Amino acid sequence: MRLLSFFLVGTFFGIVMTKSEAVSWFRIHEMFRFESFHMYGIIGSAVVLSAAILWFVKKNGIKTLDGKDVGYTPMKLNYTRHILAGSIFGLGWALIGACPGPIYVLLGQGYGIFLVVLLSAVVGAYAYGATQKYLPH
């Protein structure tokens, strides 16, 4: 049952990303060149919808599949760290044309070259994990 729920959510995510053109390199290119509001509208809608869903879930005491409360712990804002990390993420997004979620959608659509992107992301995450204790936080 749990695997089926993950499969259904992933399928829905892929359809939404494809139909909204959020996986389109051209739409992402327009966003980074400030030529179109399309991607900003998608991202803004996702933030507002997520906040509303989180509020609804917390208000009604809905639990996770494991029976735990849904919540989050706010992270302390560190401008240097967040600006540097956001810049690296943004550069990768602009160069590749996909952030982590759409990589899977594009692989599912048959763009096999994104396997290189996925493997590079995994290696980068591993490298960060291995060097995390040496980095300023």
N, C-alpha and C. Protein backbone atom coordinates (compact mmCIF):
# COMPACT_ATOMS: atom_id res chain seq x y z
N MET A 1 0.83 -1.21 0.00
CA MET A 1 0.00 0.00 0.00
C MET A 1 0.87 1.26 0.00
N ARG A 2 1.93 1.22 0.81
CA ARG A 2 2.82 2.38 0.92
C ARG A 2 3.51 2.66 -0.42
N LEU A 3 4.01 1.60 -1.06
CA LEU A 3 4.66 1.77 -2.36
C LEU A 3 3.68 2.30 -3.40
N LEU A 4 2.45 1.83 -3.35
CA LEU A 4 1.44 2.31 -4.28
C LEU A 4 1.19 3.80 -4.09
N SER A 5 1.14 4.26 -2.84
CA SER A 5 0.92 5.69 -2.59
C SER A 5 2.08 6.52 -3.13
N PHE A 6 3.31 6.03 -2.96
CA PHE A 6 4.47 6.75 -3.50
C PHE A 6 4.41 6.79 -5.03
N PHE A 7 4.03 5.67 -5.63
CA PHE A 7 3.92 5.59 -7.08
C PHE A 7 2.87 6.57 -7.61
N LEU A 8 1.72 6.64 -6.95
CA LEU A 8 0.64 7.54 -7.38
C LEU A 8 1.04 9.01 -7.23
N VAL A 9 1.66 9.35 -6.11
CA VAL A 9 2.11 10.73 -5.90
C VAL A 9 3.18 11.10 -6.93
N GLY A 10 4.11 10.19 -7.19
CA GLY A 10 5.15 10.44 -8.20
C GLY A 10 4.59 10.60 -9.60
N THR A 11 3.60 9.79 -9.93
CA THR A 11 2.95 9.90 -11.23
C THR A 11 2.23 11.23 -11.36
N PHE A 12 1.50 11.61 -10.32
CA PHE A 12 0.80 12.91 -10.31
C PHE A 12 1.82 14.05 -10.45
N PHE A 13 2.93 13.97 -9.71
CA PHE A 13 3.98 14.98 -9.78
C PHE A 13 4.52 15.10 -11.21
N GLY A 14 4.80 13.98 -11.83
CA GLY A 14 5.32 13.99 -13.20
C GLY A 14 4.36 14.61 -14.19
N ILE A 15 3.08 14.29 -14.05
CA ILE A 15 2.07 14.85 -14.95
C ILE A 15 1.96 16.37 -14.75
N VAL A 16 1.92 16.80 -13.49
CA VAL A 16 1.82 18.24 -13.21
C VAL A 16 3.05 18.98 -13.73
N MET A 17 4.22 18.44 -13.50
CA MET A 17 5.45 19.09 -13.96
C MET A 17 5.49 19.18 -15.49
N THR A 18 5.02 18.14 -16.16
CA THR A 18 5.03 18.13 -17.61
C THR A 18 3.98 19.08 -18.18
N LYS A 19 2.76 18.99 -17.69
CA LYS A 19 1.67 19.83 -18.22
C LYS A 19 1.88 21.31 -17.92
N SER A 20 2.53 21.63 -16.80
CA SER A 20 2.78 23.04 -16.47
C SER A 20 4.03 23.58 -17.17
N GLU A 21 4.72 22.71 -17.88
CA GLU A 21 5.96 23.04 -18.59
C GLU A 21 7.10 23.42 -17.65
N ALA A 22 7.03 22.96 -16.39
CA ALA A 22 8.08 23.26 -15.43
C ALA A 22 9.36 22.47 -15.72
N VAL A 23 9.29 21.46 -16.57
CA VAL A 23 10.48 20.70 -16.93
C VAL A 23 11.07 21.18 -18.26
N SER A 24 10.51 22.21 -18.82
CA SER A 24 10.97 22.74 -20.11
C SER A 24 12.20 23.61 -19.92
N TRP A 25 13.28 23.26 -20.60
CA TRP A 25 14.50 24.05 -20.52
C TRP A 25 14.22 25.47 -20.98
N PHE A 26 13.37 25.65 -21.95
CA PHE A 26 13.07 26.98 -22.48
C PHE A 26 12.35 27.84 -21.43
N ARG A 27 11.42 27.23 -20.67
CA ARG A 27 10.73 27.97 -19.62
C ARG A 27 11.71 28.37 -18.51
N ILE A 28 12.61 27.47 -18.16
CA ILE A 28 13.61 27.77 -17.13
C ILE A 28 14.54 28.87 -17.61
N HIS A 29 14.92 28.79 -18.87
CA HIS A 29 15.79 29.82 -19.47
C HIS A 29 15.10 31.19 -19.42
N GLU A 30 13.81 31.22 -19.74
CA GLU A 30 13.04 32.47 -19.66
C GLU A 30 13.02 33.02 -18.24
N MET A 31 12.90 32.13 -17.28
CA MET A 31 12.84 32.57 -15.88
C MET A 31 14.16 33.24 -15.47
N PHE A 32 15.27 32.60 -15.78
CA PHE A 32 16.56 33.14 -15.37
C PHE A 32 16.94 34.41 -16.13
N ARG A 33 16.30 34.63 -17.28
CA ARG A 33 16.54 35.87 -18.03
C ARG A 33 15.47 36.93 -17.73
N PHE A 34 14.57 36.62 -16.79
CA PHE A 34 13.48 37.52 -16.40
C PHE A 34 12.63 37.93 -17.60
N GLU A 35 12.37 36.99 -18.49
CA GLU A 35 11.57 37.26 -19.69
C GLU A 35 10.12 36.80 -19.54
N SER A 36 9.83 36.00 -18.52
CA SER A 36 8.49 35.46 -18.37
C SER A 36 8.18 35.23 -16.89
N PHE A 37 6.91 35.40 -16.54
CA PHE A 37 6.46 35.17 -15.17
C PHE A 37 6.07 33.71 -14.94
N HIS A 38 6.01 32.91 -15.99
CA HIS A 38 5.47 31.55 -15.95
C HIS A 38 6.05 30.73 -14.79
N MET A 39 7.35 30.58 -14.72
CA MET A 39 7.97 29.75 -13.69
C MET A 39 7.81 30.36 -12.30
N TYR A 40 7.89 31.69 -12.20
CA TYR A 40 7.68 32.34 -10.91
C TYR A 40 6.26 32.09 -10.41
N GLY A 41 5.32 32.07 -11.32
CA GLY A 41 3.94 31.77 -10.97
C GLY A 41 3.78 30.34 -10.46
N ILE A 42 4.45 29.40 -11.11
CA ILE A 42 4.39 27.99 -10.68
C ILE A 42 5.01 27.85 -9.29
N ILE A 43 6.19 28.43 -9.10
CA ILE A 43 6.88 28.32 -7.81
C ILE A 43 6.07 29.00 -6.71
N GLY A 44 5.57 30.20 -6.99
CA GLY A 44 4.75 30.91 -6.00
C GLY A 44 3.48 30.15 -5.65
N SER A 45 2.83 29.58 -6.66
CA SER A 45 1.63 28.78 -6.41
C SER A 45 1.95 27.57 -5.55
N ALA A 46 3.08 26.94 -5.81
CA ALA A 46 3.49 25.77 -5.02
C ALA A 46 3.74 26.14 -3.56
N VAL A 47 4.36 27.29 -3.33
CA VAL A 47 4.63 27.74 -1.95
C VAL A 47 3.31 28.02 -1.22
N VAL A 48 2.42 28.75 -1.86
CA VAL A 48 1.13 29.08 -1.24
C VAL A 48 0.31 27.82 -0.98
N LEU A 49 0.24 26.92 -1.97
CA LEU A 49 -0.52 25.69 -1.81
C LEU A 49 0.08 24.81 -0.71
N SER A 50 1.41 24.72 -0.65
CA SER A 50 2.06 23.93 0.39
C SER A 50 1.78 24.48 1.78
N ALA A 51 1.82 25.81 1.91
CA ALA A 51 1.52 26.43 3.21
C ALA A 51 0.08 26.13 3.62
N ALA A 52 -0.84 26.22 2.67
CA ALA A 52 -2.25 25.94 2.98
C ALA A 52 -2.45 24.48 3.36
N ILE A 53 -1.80 23.57 2.66
CA ILE A 53 -1.94 22.15 2.98
C ILE A 53 -1.32 21.85 4.34
N LEU A 54 -0.15 22.41 4.63
CA LEU A 54 0.48 22.20 5.93
C LEU A 54 -0.41 22.73 7.05
N TRP A 55 -0.99 23.89 6.86
CA TRP A 55 -1.91 24.45 7.86
C TRP A 55 -3.11 23.51 8.08
N PHE A 56 -3.69 23.03 6.99
CA PHE A 56 -4.84 22.13 7.06
C PHE A 56 -4.49 20.83 7.78
N VAL A 57 -3.34 20.27 7.45
CA VAL A 57 -2.91 19.01 8.06
C VAL A 57 -2.68 19.19 9.56
N LYS A 58 -2.00 20.28 9.94
CA LYS A 58 -1.74 20.52 11.36
C LYS A 58 -3.03 20.82 12.13
N LYS A 59 -3.93 21.60 11.52
CA LYS A 59 -5.19 21.97 12.18
C LYS A 59 -6.07 20.75 12.44
N ASN A 60 -6.06 19.80 11.52
CA ASN A 60 -6.91 18.62 11.64
C ASN A 60 -6.19 17.42 12.25
N GLY A 61 -4.94 17.59 12.67
CA GLY A 61 -4.21 16.51 13.33
C GLY A 61 -3.93 15.30 12.46
N ILE A 62 -3.81 15.51 11.16
CA ILE A 62 -3.53 14.41 10.24
C ILE A 62 -2.09 13.94 10.46
N LYS A 63 -1.90 12.64 10.47
CA LYS A 63 -0.58 12.05 10.74
C LYS A 63 0.04 11.52 9.43
N THR A 64 1.35 11.25 9.49
CA THR A 64 2.04 10.65 8.35
C THR A 64 1.64 9.18 8.24
N LEU A 65 2.12 8.50 7.21
CA LEU A 65 1.84 7.08 7.07
C LEU A 65 2.42 6.29 8.23
N ASP A 66 3.46 6.81 8.89
CA ASP A 66 4.07 6.16 10.04
C ASP A 66 3.39 6.52 11.36
N GLY A 67 2.36 7.38 11.29
CA GLY A 67 1.63 7.77 12.49
C GLY A 67 2.26 8.92 13.26
N LYS A 68 3.20 9.63 12.64
CA LYS A 68 3.86 10.76 13.30
C LYS A 68 3.16 12.07 12.95
N ASP A 69 3.32 13.07 13.83
CA ASP A 69 2.78 14.39 13.55
C ASP A 69 3.54 15.04 12.41
N VAL A 70 2.84 15.81 11.60
CA VAL A 70 3.46 16.55 10.50
C VAL A 70 3.92 17.90 11.03
N GLY A 71 5.13 18.27 10.72
CA GLY A 71 5.64 19.56 11.18
C GLY A 71 7.01 19.84 10.59
N TYR A 72 7.57 20.93 11.02
CA TYR A 72 8.90 21.30 10.56
C TYR A 72 9.59 22.09 11.65
N THR A 73 10.90 22.12 11.59
CA THR A 73 11.70 22.91 12.52
C THR A 73 12.40 23.99 11.70
N PRO A 74 12.06 25.26 11.92
CA PRO A 74 12.69 26.33 11.14
C PRO A 74 14.20 26.37 11.36
N MET A 75 14.92 26.60 10.29
CA MET A 75 16.37 26.68 10.35
C MET A 75 16.79 28.12 10.64
N LYS A 76 17.84 28.27 11.44
CA LYS A 76 18.36 29.60 11.72
C LYS A 76 18.94 30.19 10.43
N LEU A 77 18.57 31.44 10.14
CA LEU A 77 19.01 32.07 8.91
C LEU A 77 20.47 32.49 9.01
N ASN A 78 21.27 32.03 8.04
CA ASN A 78 22.68 32.36 7.94
C ASN A 78 22.89 32.89 6.52
N TYR A 79 22.94 34.22 6.39
CA TYR A 79 22.94 34.84 5.07
C TYR A 79 24.07 34.34 4.18
N THR A 80 25.29 34.27 4.69
CA THR A 80 26.42 33.84 3.86
C THR A 80 26.20 32.43 3.35
N ARG A 81 25.84 31.54 4.25
CA ARG A 81 25.63 30.14 3.88
C ARG A 81 24.50 29.99 2.88
N HIS A 82 23.38 30.66 3.14
CA HIS A 82 22.22 30.49 2.28
C HIS A 82 22.40 31.17 0.92
N ILE A 83 23.07 32.29 0.88
CA ILE A 83 23.33 32.94 -0.41
C ILE A 83 24.30 32.11 -1.24
N LEU A 84 25.33 31.57 -0.61
CA LEU A 84 26.29 30.73 -1.34
C LEU A 84 25.61 29.45 -1.84
N ALA A 85 24.88 28.79 -0.96
CA ALA A 85 24.21 27.54 -1.35
C ALA A 85 23.16 27.80 -2.43
N GLY A 86 22.39 28.87 -2.28
CA GLY A 86 21.38 29.21 -3.27
C GLY A 86 21.99 29.56 -4.62
N SER A 87 23.14 30.21 -4.59
CA SER A 87 23.83 30.55 -5.84
C SER A 87 24.33 29.31 -6.55
N ILE A 88 24.90 28.37 -5.81
CA ILE A 88 25.38 27.11 -6.41
C ILE A 88 24.19 26.34 -6.99
N PHE A 89 23.11 26.25 -6.22
CA PHE A 89 21.91 25.55 -6.69
C PHE A 89 21.36 26.23 -7.95
N GLY A 90 21.27 27.56 -7.92
CA GLY A 90 20.75 28.31 -9.06
C GLY A 90 21.61 28.17 -10.30
N LEU A 91 22.92 28.18 -10.12
CA LEU A 91 23.82 28.00 -11.27
C LEU A 91 23.63 26.62 -11.89
N GLY A 92 23.54 25.60 -11.05
CA GLY A 92 23.31 24.25 -11.57
C GLY A 92 21.98 24.14 -12.28
N TRP A 93 20.96 24.77 -11.69
CA TRP A 93 19.62 24.75 -12.29
C TRP A 93 19.64 25.45 -13.64
N ALA A 94 20.31 26.59 -13.71
CA ALA A 94 20.37 27.35 -14.95
C ALA A 94 21.19 26.62 -16.03
N LEU A 95 22.28 26.00 -15.64
CA LEU A 95 23.13 25.30 -16.61
C LEU A 95 22.50 24.02 -17.12
N ILE A 96 21.91 23.25 -16.22
CA ILE A 96 21.33 21.96 -16.60
C ILE A 96 19.91 22.11 -17.12
N GLY A 97 19.18 23.06 -16.56
CA GLY A 97 17.80 23.25 -16.96
C GLY A 97 16.84 22.40 -16.16
N ALA A 98 17.28 21.91 -15.00
CA ALA A 98 16.41 21.10 -14.16
C ALA A 98 16.91 21.12 -12.73
N CYS A 99 15.98 21.29 -11.80
CA CYS A 99 16.33 21.13 -10.39
C CYS A 99 16.06 19.66 -10.03
N PRO A 100 16.31 19.23 -8.80
CA PRO A 100 16.25 17.79 -8.50
C PRO A 100 14.96 17.06 -8.88
N GLY A 101 13.79 17.62 -8.59
CA GLY A 101 12.54 16.92 -8.89
C GLY A 101 12.35 16.62 -10.37
N PRO A 102 12.48 17.62 -11.23
CA PRO A 102 12.29 17.37 -12.66
C PRO A 102 13.31 16.42 -13.30
N ILE A 103 14.43 16.17 -12.65
CA ILE A 103 15.40 15.21 -13.20
C ILE A 103 14.71 13.86 -13.38
N TYR A 104 13.94 13.44 -12.38
CA TYR A 104 13.24 12.15 -12.45
C TYR A 104 12.15 12.18 -13.51
N VAL A 105 11.45 13.30 -13.62
CA VAL A 105 10.40 13.44 -14.63
C VAL A 105 11.02 13.32 -16.02
N LEU A 106 12.12 14.01 -16.25
CA LEU A 106 12.78 13.97 -17.56
C LEU A 106 13.33 12.58 -17.86
N LEU A 107 13.84 11.89 -16.85
CA LEU A 107 14.27 10.50 -17.05
C LEU A 107 13.08 9.63 -17.44
N GLY A 108 11.96 9.83 -16.78
CA GLY A 108 10.75 9.08 -17.10
C GLY A 108 10.22 9.36 -18.49
N GLN A 109 10.50 10.55 -19.00
CA GLN A 109 10.07 10.90 -20.36
C GLN A 109 11.03 10.35 -21.41
N GLY A 110 12.12 9.72 -20.98
CA GLY A 110 13.03 9.09 -21.92
C GLY A 110 14.29 9.88 -22.24
N TYR A 111 14.54 10.97 -21.52
CA TYR A 111 15.76 11.74 -21.73
C TYR A 111 16.88 11.12 -20.92
N GLY A 112 17.50 10.10 -21.49
CA GLY A 112 18.51 9.31 -20.79
C GLY A 112 19.73 10.09 -20.35
N ILE A 113 20.03 11.19 -21.02
CA ILE A 113 21.20 11.98 -20.65
C ILE A 113 21.08 12.51 -19.23
N PHE A 114 19.85 12.61 -18.73
CA PHE A 114 19.66 13.11 -17.36
C PHE A 114 20.10 12.09 -16.31
N LEU A 115 20.43 10.88 -16.74
CA LEU A 115 21.04 9.92 -15.82
C LEU A 115 22.41 10.43 -15.38
N VAL A 116 23.13 11.08 -16.29
CA VAL A 116 24.42 11.71 -15.95
C VAL A 116 24.20 12.81 -14.91
N VAL A 117 23.15 13.60 -15.09
CA VAL A 117 22.82 14.68 -14.16
C VAL A 117 22.48 14.09 -12.79
N LEU A 118 21.66 13.03 -12.77
CA LEU A 118 21.28 12.40 -11.51
C LEU A 118 22.49 11.83 -10.79
N LEU A 119 23.35 11.13 -11.51
CA LEU A 119 24.55 10.57 -10.90
C LEU A 119 25.48 11.67 -10.38
N SER A 120 25.58 12.76 -11.12
CA SER A 120 26.40 13.90 -10.67
C SER A 120 25.82 14.52 -9.40
N ALA A 121 24.51 14.62 -9.32
CA ALA A 121 23.86 15.16 -8.12
C ALA A 121 24.11 14.25 -6.92
N VAL A 122 24.05 12.95 -7.13
CA VAL A 122 24.30 12.00 -6.04
C VAL A 122 25.75 12.09 -5.59
N VAL A 123 26.68 12.17 -6.52
CA VAL A 123 28.10 12.31 -6.17
C VAL A 123 28.32 13.63 -5.42
N GLY A 124 27.69 14.71 -5.87
CA GLY A 124 27.81 16.00 -5.18
C GLY A 124 27.26 15.95 -3.77
N ALA A 125 26.12 15.30 -3.58
CA ALA A 125 25.54 15.16 -2.24
C ALA A 125 26.44 14.31 -1.35
N TYR A 126 27.02 13.27 -1.91
CA TYR A 126 27.95 12.42 -1.15
C TYR A 126 29.20 13.21 -0.77
N ALA A 127 29.73 13.99 -1.71
CA ALA A 127 30.92 14.79 -1.42
C ALA A 127 30.63 15.81 -0.32
N TYR A 128 29.45 16.42 -0.36
CA TYR A 128 29.09 17.35 0.70
C TYR A 128 29.01 16.63 2.04
N GLY A 129 28.37 15.48 2.07
CA GLY A 129 28.26 14.72 3.31
C GLY A 129 29.61 14.31 3.86
N ALA A 130 30.54 13.97 2.97
CA ALA A 130 31.87 13.55 3.41
C ALA A 130 32.71 14.72 3.93
N THR A 131 32.46 15.92 3.43
CA THR A 131 33.26 17.09 3.82
C THR A 131 32.52 18.06 4.73
N GLN A 132 31.29 17.74 5.10
CA GLN A 132 30.43 18.64 5.86
C GLN A 132 31.09 19.13 7.15
N LYS A 133 31.77 18.25 7.86
CA LYS A 133 32.34 18.65 9.14
C LYS A 133 33.50 19.64 8.99
N TYR A 134 34.05 19.77 7.79
CA TYR A 134 35.15 20.68 7.54
C TYR A 134 34.70 22.04 6.99
N LEU A 135 33.41 22.13 6.65
CA LEU A 135 32.88 23.34 6.05
C LEU A 135 32.30 24.28 7.11
N PRO A 136 32.36 25.60 6.85
CA PRO A 136 31.76 26.53 7.82
C PRO A 136 30.24 26.46 7.77
N HIS A 137 29.63 26.33 8.92
CA HIS A 137 28.15 26.27 9.00
C HIS A 137 27.66 27.31 9.93
